[in-house]
Amino acid sequence: MKNEELLQAIRALCKERGLEEEMLFESIEEALVTAYKREFSSTKLNSEVSAEIDRETGEISIFETLEVVKEVTDPNTQISLEEAQEIDSDLEEGDTIDMTIPVESLGRLAAGAAKAAINKKLRDTENNRIESEFSDKINELASGVIQRTDDKYVFVDIDRAEATLPRKEQVKGETYEFNKRMKFLILRVETQKERPVIIVSRSHPMLVKKLLEQEVPEIHDGIVEIVSVAREAGSRSKVAVVSRDPDVDPLGACVGQRGTRIQAIMDELGQEKIDVIQYSEDPAIYISNALSPAKVERVDTEIITNEDGTKEMNAQVVVPDQQYSLAIGRSGQNVRLAARLTGWKIDIKSTSQFQQMVKDDFEANFTVVDDVPDSDEQA
């Protein structure tokens, strides 16, 4: 490769990978030194070698530092005073001199070794960049493009890095077609086979929260706060919100004019239904809201402290008979999500079920006393 071609290749690579030119130049110089010593390991193992690439012309120079001595005992590390003074008359015994080594002396083998070392350095640099950049983005949103899939993973291009979407983080029924752009939640950065791997998710509840933060300015600015999220990915989510400004309606802010904001999030999630509900510090009101769209008649709450100090938060909810199926939801989804959202264990009864339960309890605790003597007999 000609010197100009080398410079062009370095600059193109830096632009493509987002690397600093100086860092790449230094990496190549280190690789050249490694290659030279490997080529001449038997004779140059202890020699002090350095390499330099001219940043303007691309010319490569390799130098061997030799000690000036009166009598040479190791020609690999020393040069005689007489020979050194022929190069520079000011040199004295004990000084050092950098001798230029012809690059051609590396040979084809050393050139190949240099290329391998350069590639390794580039990989290490890229790995460090990924580790540093994405470790600071845990639980953040990222836009990516699907690259390929296999039986276990979907591979995604995110900001010049490849991310992995494991099967357990995928959404059932969602398609991951080549070149499709989607948004992902960055879960963590793992080390696999000595390289960092970015793990992302499409099914995590935090993804819904981050999409809302992105879409709703009031949430991004802290005026509206997301208190809790419960999600069954691909089907339905419930989000509890509260406003820190009495003049701002948190539900209206999240839904947007004519539902445009919430619809944008549903579009990103493949039309997954999203229920935005009003948070309340009153558990009864909070639970009632969480069971929306069902209407609730009454909520009785009880907190039980166990012997080990753990607490059970139980709520008994009564809904009109015609609202019972709606409150439970298909396959129990509505009440299940409401329980996750609020943190309360919810037991739902229809009005008729509740009345029958009260009647049964009353009858079980009511004792009929027979043969009670009247007042005359007692006298």
Protein backbone atom coordinates (compact mmCIF):
# COMPACT_ATOMS: atom_id res chain seq x y z
CA MET A 1 0.00 0.00 0.00
CA LYS A 2 1.32 3.39 -0.95
CA ASN A 3 1.73 6.07 1.70
CA GLU A 4 -1.13 8.19 0.33
CA GLU A 5 -3.40 5.16 0.23
CA LEU A 6 -2.49 4.40 3.85
CA LEU A 7 -3.48 7.90 4.96
CA GLN A 8 -6.76 7.72 3.04
CA ALA A 9 -7.55 4.32 4.53
CA ILE A 10 -6.85 5.53 8.07
CA ARG A 11 -9.01 8.62 7.68
CA ALA A 12 -11.85 6.67 6.06
CA LEU A 13 -11.73 4.09 8.82
CA CYS A 14 -11.76 6.75 11.52
CA LYS A 15 -14.76 8.43 9.94
CA GLU A 16 -16.62 5.15 9.56
CA ARG A 17 -15.91 3.85 13.06
CA GLY A 18 -15.95 7.20 14.84
CA LEU A 19 -12.34 6.80 16.00
CA GLU A 20 -9.69 9.43 16.64
CA GLU A 21 -7.02 9.52 13.93
CA GLU A 22 -4.16 9.94 16.39
CA MET A 23 -5.28 6.91 18.37
CA LEU A 24 -5.34 4.79 15.22
CA PHE A 25 -1.91 6.04 14.10
CA GLU A 26 -0.47 5.08 17.49
CA SER A 27 -2.13 1.66 17.29
CA ILE A 28 -0.55 0.97 13.90
CA GLU A 29 2.85 2.13 15.15
CA GLU A 30 2.59 -0.29 18.08
CA ALA A 31 1.58 -3.06 15.70
CA LEU A 32 4.60 -2.41 13.48
CA VAL A 33 6.92 -2.68 16.46
CA THR A 34 5.26 -5.95 17.49
CA ALA A 35 5.60 -7.31 13.97
CA TYR A 36 9.26 -6.36 13.72
CA LYS A 37 10.16 -7.98 17.02
CA ARG A 38 8.19 -11.10 16.09
CA GLU A 39 10.04 -11.37 12.76
CA PHE A 40 13.41 -11.02 14.43
CA SER A 41 12.54 -12.47 17.84
CA SER A 42 15.71 -14.53 18.03
CA THR A 43 17.98 -11.52 17.63
CA LYS A 44 15.88 -8.45 18.48
CA LEU A 45 13.98 -9.63 21.52
CA ASN A 46 15.72 -7.24 23.89
CA SER A 47 16.23 -4.40 21.44
CA GLU A 48 14.43 -1.09 21.86
CA VAL A 49 12.38 -0.51 18.74
CA SER A 50 9.95 2.28 17.84
CA ALA A 51 7.89 3.11 14.79
CA GLU A 52 6.63 6.39 13.40
CA ILE A 53 4.11 7.25 10.68
CA ASP A 54 4.37 10.74 9.22
CA ARG A 55 0.90 12.27 9.72
CA GLU A 56 1.26 14.36 6.56
CA THR A 57 2.88 12.00 4.05
CA GLY A 58 2.09 8.57 5.47
CA GLU A 59 5.76 7.57 5.32
CA ILE A 60 6.60 4.76 7.74
CA SER A 61 9.88 4.76 9.71
CA ILE A 62 11.13 2.15 12.15
CA PHE A 63 13.92 2.98 14.57
CA GLU A 64 16.16 0.82 16.72
CA THR A 65 17.66 2.55 19.75
CA LEU A 66 21.27 1.50 20.37
CA GLU A 67 23.58 2.36 23.24
CA VAL A 68 26.92 3.92 22.37
CA VAL A 69 29.73 1.86 23.94
CA LYS A 70 33.49 1.70 23.59
CA GLU A 71 33.45 -2.04 22.91
CA VAL A 72 30.38 -3.80 21.52
CA THR A 73 29.35 -6.96 23.38
CA ASP A 74 25.76 -7.14 22.06
CA PRO A 75 25.35 -5.89 18.49
CA ASN A 76 21.55 -6.05 18.84
CA THR A 77 21.48 -3.33 21.49
CA GLN A 78 24.84 -1.57 21.16
CA ILE A 79 26.90 0.43 18.67
CA SER A 80 30.59 1.24 18.90
CA LEU A 81 31.65 4.77 19.75
CA GLU A 82 33.68 4.93 16.58
CA GLU A 83 30.75 3.96 14.35
CA ALA A 84 28.34 6.25 16.21
CA GLN A 85 30.63 9.27 15.83
CA GLU A 86 30.74 8.67 12.10
CA ILE A 87 27.00 9.38 12.18
CA ASP A 88 27.11 12.15 14.78
CA SER A 89 30.46 13.45 16.03
CA ASP A 90 28.85 14.84 19.21
CA LEU A 91 27.91 11.41 20.52
CA GLU A 92 29.78 10.08 23.55
CA GLU A 93 29.99 6.78 25.37
CA GLY A 94 26.73 6.09 27.24
CA ASP A 95 24.55 8.04 24.79
CA THR A 96 21.85 6.44 22.66
CA ILE A 97 21.20 6.73 18.96
CA ASP A 98 18.10 5.90 16.88
CA MET A 99 19.03 3.88 13.83
CA THR A 100 16.57 3.75 10.94
CA ILE A 101 15.55 0.24 9.91
CA PRO A 102 14.41 -0.34 6.32
CA VAL A 103 10.68 -1.12 6.36
CA GLU A 104 11.27 -3.71 3.66
CA SER A 105 13.19 -5.80 6.19
CA LEU A 106 9.92 -6.70 7.88
CA GLY A 107 9.18 -9.09 5.08
CA ARG A 108 5.82 -10.49 4.05
CA LEU A 109 5.40 -12.48 7.26
CA ALA A 110 5.92 -9.45 9.45
CA ALA A 111 3.59 -7.38 7.29
CA GLY A 112 0.87 -9.97 7.79
CA ALA A 113 1.53 -10.00 11.51
CA ALA A 114 1.30 -6.22 11.53
CA LYS A 115 -2.06 -6.36 9.77
CA ALA A 116 -3.36 -8.89 12.32
CA ALA A 117 -2.11 -6.76 15.20
CA ILE A 118 -3.73 -3.67 13.69
CA ASN A 119 -7.05 -5.49 13.34
CA LYS A 120 -6.85 -6.64 16.95
CA LYS A 121 -6.11 -3.13 18.11
CA LEU A 122 -9.06 -1.85 16.13
CA ARG A 123 -11.30 -4.49 17.70
CA ASP A 124 -10.04 -3.60 21.17
CA THR A 125 -10.60 0.09 20.52
CA GLU A 126 -14.08 -0.55 19.18
CA ASN A 127 -14.87 -2.81 22.14
CA ASN A 128 -13.72 -0.15 24.58
CA ARG A 129 -15.87 2.43 22.79
CA ILE A 130 -18.94 0.22 22.97
CA GLU A 131 -18.31 -0.66 26.62
CA SER A 132 -17.84 2.98 27.59
CA GLU A 133 -20.62 4.46 25.47
CA PHE A 134 -23.40 1.98 26.13
CA SER A 135 -22.69 1.28 29.80
CA ASP A 136 -23.85 4.86 30.36
CA LYS A 137 -27.09 4.22 28.45
CA ILE A 138 -28.57 1.39 30.51
CA ASN A 139 -32.39 1.67 30.66
CA GLU A 140 -32.32 4.27 27.90
CA LEU A 141 -34.14 4.21 24.58
CA ALA A 142 -32.27 3.49 21.34
CA SER A 143 -33.36 3.40 17.72
CA GLY A 144 -31.99 0.50 15.70
CA VAL A 145 -32.25 -1.29 12.36
CA ILE A 146 -32.77 -5.05 12.11
CA GLN A 147 -29.77 -6.72 10.44
CA ARG A 148 -30.41 -10.45 10.70
CA THR A 149 -32.10 -13.13 12.80
CA ASP A 150 -31.55 -16.72 13.87
CA ASP A 151 -33.41 -19.20 16.07
CA LYS A 152 -32.46 -17.41 19.30
CA TYR A 153 -31.52 -13.84 18.54
CA VAL A 154 -32.31 -10.77 16.50
CA PHE A 155 -29.24 -8.68 15.65
CA VAL A 156 -29.71 -4.92 15.52
CA ASP A 157 -27.51 -2.06 14.35
CA ILE A 158 -27.57 0.69 16.99
CA ASP A 159 -25.29 3.72 16.70
CA ARG A 160 -22.49 1.92 14.82
CA ALA A 161 -22.68 -1.04 17.19
CA GLU A 162 -24.37 -4.41 16.98
CA ALA A 163 -26.95 -5.14 19.67
CA THR A 164 -28.57 -8.48 20.47
CA LEU A 165 -32.28 -9.02 21.13
CA PRO A 166 -32.61 -12.40 22.92
CA ARG A 167 -35.73 -14.49 22.47
CA LYS A 168 -36.98 -13.81 26.02
CA GLU A 169 -36.82 -10.06 25.31
CA GLN A 170 -38.76 -10.38 22.06
CA VAL A 171 -42.52 -9.84 21.80
CA LYS A 172 -44.65 -12.79 20.78
CA GLY A 173 -46.19 -12.18 17.38
CA GLU A 174 -43.88 -9.28 16.55
CA THR A 175 -41.97 -9.55 13.26
CA TYR A 176 -38.33 -8.54 12.92
CA GLU A 177 -37.76 -8.03 9.22
CA PHE A 178 -34.43 -7.04 7.66
CA ASN A 179 -33.84 -3.28 7.55
CA LYS A 180 -36.88 -2.58 9.74
CA ARG A 181 -36.34 0.35 12.11
CA MET A 182 -37.59 -0.09 15.67
CA LYS A 183 -36.98 1.31 19.14
CA PHE A 184 -35.38 -0.75 21.87
CA LEU A 185 -34.57 -0.53 25.55
CA ILE A 186 -30.88 -1.00 26.37
CA LEU A 187 -30.82 -3.53 29.21
CA ARG A 188 -27.13 -4.18 29.85
CA VAL A 189 -23.70 -4.68 28.33
CA GLU A 190 -22.28 -8.20 28.71
CA THR A 191 -18.85 -9.61 27.90
CA GLN A 192 -19.03 -12.61 25.60
CA LYS A 193 -15.93 -14.19 24.06
CA GLU A 194 -13.84 -11.21 25.17
CA ARG A 195 -16.06 -8.65 23.49
CA PRO A 196 -18.89 -6.45 24.78
CA VAL A 197 -22.40 -7.40 23.70
CA ILE A 198 -25.28 -4.92 24.00
CA ILE A 199 -28.46 -6.64 25.19
CA VAL A 200 -31.71 -4.88 24.24
CA SER A 201 -35.39 -5.53 24.88
CA ARG A 202 -38.74 -5.00 23.18
CA SER A 203 -40.80 -6.59 25.98
CA HIS A 204 -39.60 -4.78 29.12
CA PRO A 205 -42.13 -2.48 30.89
CA MET A 206 -39.48 0.24 30.99
CA LEU A 207 -39.74 0.50 27.19
CA VAL A 208 -43.29 1.85 27.55
CA LYS A 209 -42.12 4.36 30.15
CA LYS A 210 -39.27 5.61 27.96
CA LEU A 211 -41.54 5.91 24.92
CA LEU A 212 -43.93 8.04 26.98
CA GLU A 213 -41.06 10.23 28.18
CA GLN A 214 -40.02 10.75 24.59
CA GLU A 215 -43.52 11.45 23.28
CA VAL A 216 -44.96 13.51 26.15
CA PRO A 217 -43.13 16.79 26.92
CA GLU A 218 -44.87 17.10 30.31
CA ILE A 219 -43.28 13.81 31.40
CA HIS A 220 -39.87 14.74 30.01
CA ASP A 221 -40.05 18.08 31.88
CA GLY A 222 -41.12 16.46 35.16
CA ILE A 223 -44.57 18.06 35.29
CA VAL A 224 -46.24 14.68 34.90
CA GLU A 225 -44.67 11.70 36.64
CA ILE A 226 -44.99 8.02 35.77
CA VAL A 227 -45.52 6.22 39.07
CA SER A 228 -45.77 2.64 37.86
CA VAL A 229 -45.98 0.50 34.72
CA ALA A 230 -47.40 -3.00 34.32
CA ARG A 231 -47.10 -4.72 30.99
CA GLU A 232 -47.93 -7.88 29.11
CA ALA A 233 -45.89 -7.20 26.00
CA GLY A 234 -47.71 -7.27 22.70
CA SER A 235 -51.12 -7.24 24.35
CA ARG A 236 -51.69 -4.56 26.98
CA SER A 237 -50.01 -2.15 29.39
CA LYS A 238 -51.25 -0.07 32.29
CA VAL A 239 -49.47 3.14 33.24
CA ALA A 240 -50.16 5.10 36.44
CA VAL A 241 -49.41 8.83 36.22
CA VAL A 242 -49.73 11.86 38.48
CA SER A 243 -49.41 15.59 37.82
CA ARG A 244 -47.19 17.85 39.92
CA ASP A 245 -49.07 20.87 38.55
CA PRO A 246 -52.77 21.18 39.49
CA ASP A 247 -53.42 22.94 36.17
CA VAL A 248 -52.14 20.00 34.12
CA ASP A 249 -54.32 16.95 33.49
CA PRO A 250 -51.90 13.97 33.48
CA LEU A 251 -54.26 11.71 31.50
CA GLY A 252 -54.90 14.34 28.84
CA ALA A 253 -51.18 15.11 28.57
CA CYS A 254 -50.34 11.46 27.96
CA VAL A 255 -53.18 10.74 25.56
CA GLY A 256 -52.70 13.95 23.60
CA GLN A 257 -55.13 15.84 21.39
CA ARG A 258 -57.41 13.30 19.72
CA GLY A 259 -55.22 10.56 21.14
CA THR A 260 -52.25 11.38 18.91
CA ARG A 261 -49.55 10.88 21.56
CA ILE A 262 -50.73 7.54 22.87
CA GLN A 263 -51.45 6.36 19.33
CA ALA A 264 -47.84 7.08 18.33
CA ILE A 265 -46.65 4.80 21.14
CA MET A 266 -49.16 2.11 20.22
CA ASP A 267 -47.92 2.27 16.62
CA GLU A 268 -44.37 1.68 17.81
CA LEU A 269 -45.53 -1.27 19.91
CA GLY A 270 -47.61 -2.92 17.21
CA GLN A 271 -50.98 -1.62 18.48
CA GLU A 272 -50.44 -2.89 22.02
CA LYS A 273 -53.26 -1.37 24.12
CA ILE A 274 -52.16 1.17 26.72
CA ASP A 275 -54.37 2.20 29.65
CA VAL A 276 -53.26 5.46 31.26
CA ILE A 277 -54.75 5.77 34.75
CA GLN A 278 -54.69 8.41 37.48
CA TYR A 279 -52.50 7.58 40.47
CA SER A 280 -53.84 8.29 43.96
CA GLU A 281 -52.28 8.02 47.39
CA ASP A 282 -55.61 6.57 48.55
CA PRO A 283 -55.26 2.82 47.88
CA ALA A 284 -58.99 2.36 47.31
CA ILE A 285 -59.12 5.08 44.64
CA TYR A 286 -55.86 3.89 43.08
CA ILE A 287 -57.11 0.30 42.81
CA SER A 288 -60.44 1.48 41.39
CA ASN A 289 -58.64 3.49 38.73
CA ALA A 290 -56.29 0.61 37.95
CA LEU A 291 -59.23 -1.68 37.13
CA SER A 292 -60.40 0.68 34.39
CA PRO A 293 -62.35 0.40 32.14
CA ALA A 294 -64.46 -1.50 34.70
CA LYS A 295 -66.54 0.51 37.19
CA VAL A 296 -65.96 -0.29 40.85
CA GLU A 297 -68.59 -0.10 43.65
CA ARG A 298 -66.37 -0.50 46.70
CA VAL A 299 -62.82 -1.39 47.74
CA ASP A 300 -61.85 -2.74 51.16
CA THR A 301 -58.13 -2.91 51.91
CA GLU A 302 -56.23 -4.78 54.60
CA ILE A 303 -52.50 -4.94 55.37
CA ILE A 304 -51.32 -8.02 57.24
CA THR A 305 -47.89 -8.12 58.86
CA ASN A 306 -46.44 -11.62 58.96
CA GLU A 307 -44.18 -13.00 61.66
CA ASP A 308 -41.13 -12.51 59.47
CA GLY A 309 -41.96 -8.82 59.05
CA THR A 310 -43.21 -9.07 55.48
CA LYS A 311 -46.50 -7.44 54.63
CA GLU A 312 -49.43 -8.69 52.62
CA MET A 313 -51.56 -6.00 51.02
CA ASN A 314 -54.97 -7.43 50.26
CA ALA A 315 -57.84 -5.65 48.55
CA GLN A 316 -61.38 -6.91 48.14
CA VAL A 317 -63.16 -5.21 45.26
CA VAL A 318 -66.86 -5.26 44.49
CA VAL A 319 -68.10 -4.48 40.98
CA PRO A 320 -71.60 -4.55 39.45
CA ASP A 321 -72.59 -7.96 38.09
CA GLN A 322 -72.50 -6.71 34.51
CA GLN A 323 -68.98 -5.29 35.06
CA TYR A 324 -67.48 -8.47 36.53
CA SER A 325 -66.11 -9.95 33.29
CA LEU A 326 -64.73 -6.56 32.26
CA ALA A 327 -62.98 -6.14 35.62
CA ILE A 328 -61.40 -9.58 35.42
CA GLY A 329 -60.50 -9.19 31.74
CA ARG A 330 -59.77 -11.85 29.17
CA SER A 331 -57.87 -14.69 30.86
CA GLY A 332 -57.68 -12.52 33.98
CA GLN A 333 -55.45 -9.94 32.29
CA ASN A 334 -57.14 -6.77 33.57
CA VAL A 335 -57.05 -7.69 37.25
CA ARG A 336 -53.57 -9.20 36.87
CA LEU A 337 -52.15 -5.98 35.42
CA ALA A 338 -53.99 -3.88 38.02
CA ALA A 339 -52.42 -5.96 40.81
CA ARG A 340 -48.93 -5.53 39.34
CA LEU A 341 -49.49 -1.81 38.84
CA THR A 342 -50.67 -1.09 42.37
CA GLY A 343 -48.78 -3.73 44.33
CA TRP A 344 -52.01 -4.97 45.96
CA LYS A 345 -53.39 -8.51 45.82
CA ILE A 346 -56.86 -7.97 44.36
CA ASP A 347 -59.84 -10.23 44.90
CA ILE A 348 -62.86 -9.22 42.78
CA LYS A 349 -66.44 -10.07 43.63
CA SER A 350 -69.59 -9.18 41.74
CA THR A 351 -72.33 -7.46 43.72
CA SER A 352 -74.37 -10.65 43.92
CA GLN A 353 -71.32 -12.69 44.94
CA PHE A 354 -70.47 -10.18 47.65
CA GLN A 355 -74.04 -10.14 48.99
CA GLN A 356 -74.10 -13.93 49.12
CA MET A 357 -70.74 -13.94 50.91
CA VAL A 358 -72.04 -11.46 53.52
CA LYS A 359 -75.16 -13.56 53.99
CA ASP A 360 -73.15 -16.75 54.41
CA ASP A 361 -70.84 -15.11 56.92
CA PHE A 362 -73.76 -13.76 58.89
CA GLU A 363 -75.49 -17.14 59.00
CA ALA A 364 -72.28 -18.89 59.97
CA ASN A 365 -71.82 -16.54 62.92
CA PHE A 366 -75.49 -16.44 63.99
CA THR A 367 -76.43 -18.97 66.73
CA VAL A 368 -80.08 -19.85 67.49
CA VAL A 369 -80.58 -20.53 71.23
CA ASP A 370 -83.37 -23.06 71.93
CA ASP A 371 -85.32 -23.64 75.14
CA VAL A 372 -84.64 -20.32 76.75
CA PRO A 373 -86.84 -20.16 79.91
CA ASP A 374 -89.30 -17.25 80.20
CA SER A 375 -89.30 -14.82 83.09
CA ASP A 376 -92.12 -16.61 84.98
CA GLU A 377 -90.28 -19.93 84.92
CA GLN A 378 -87.14 -18.23 86.19
CA ALA A 379 -89.11 -16.78 89.05
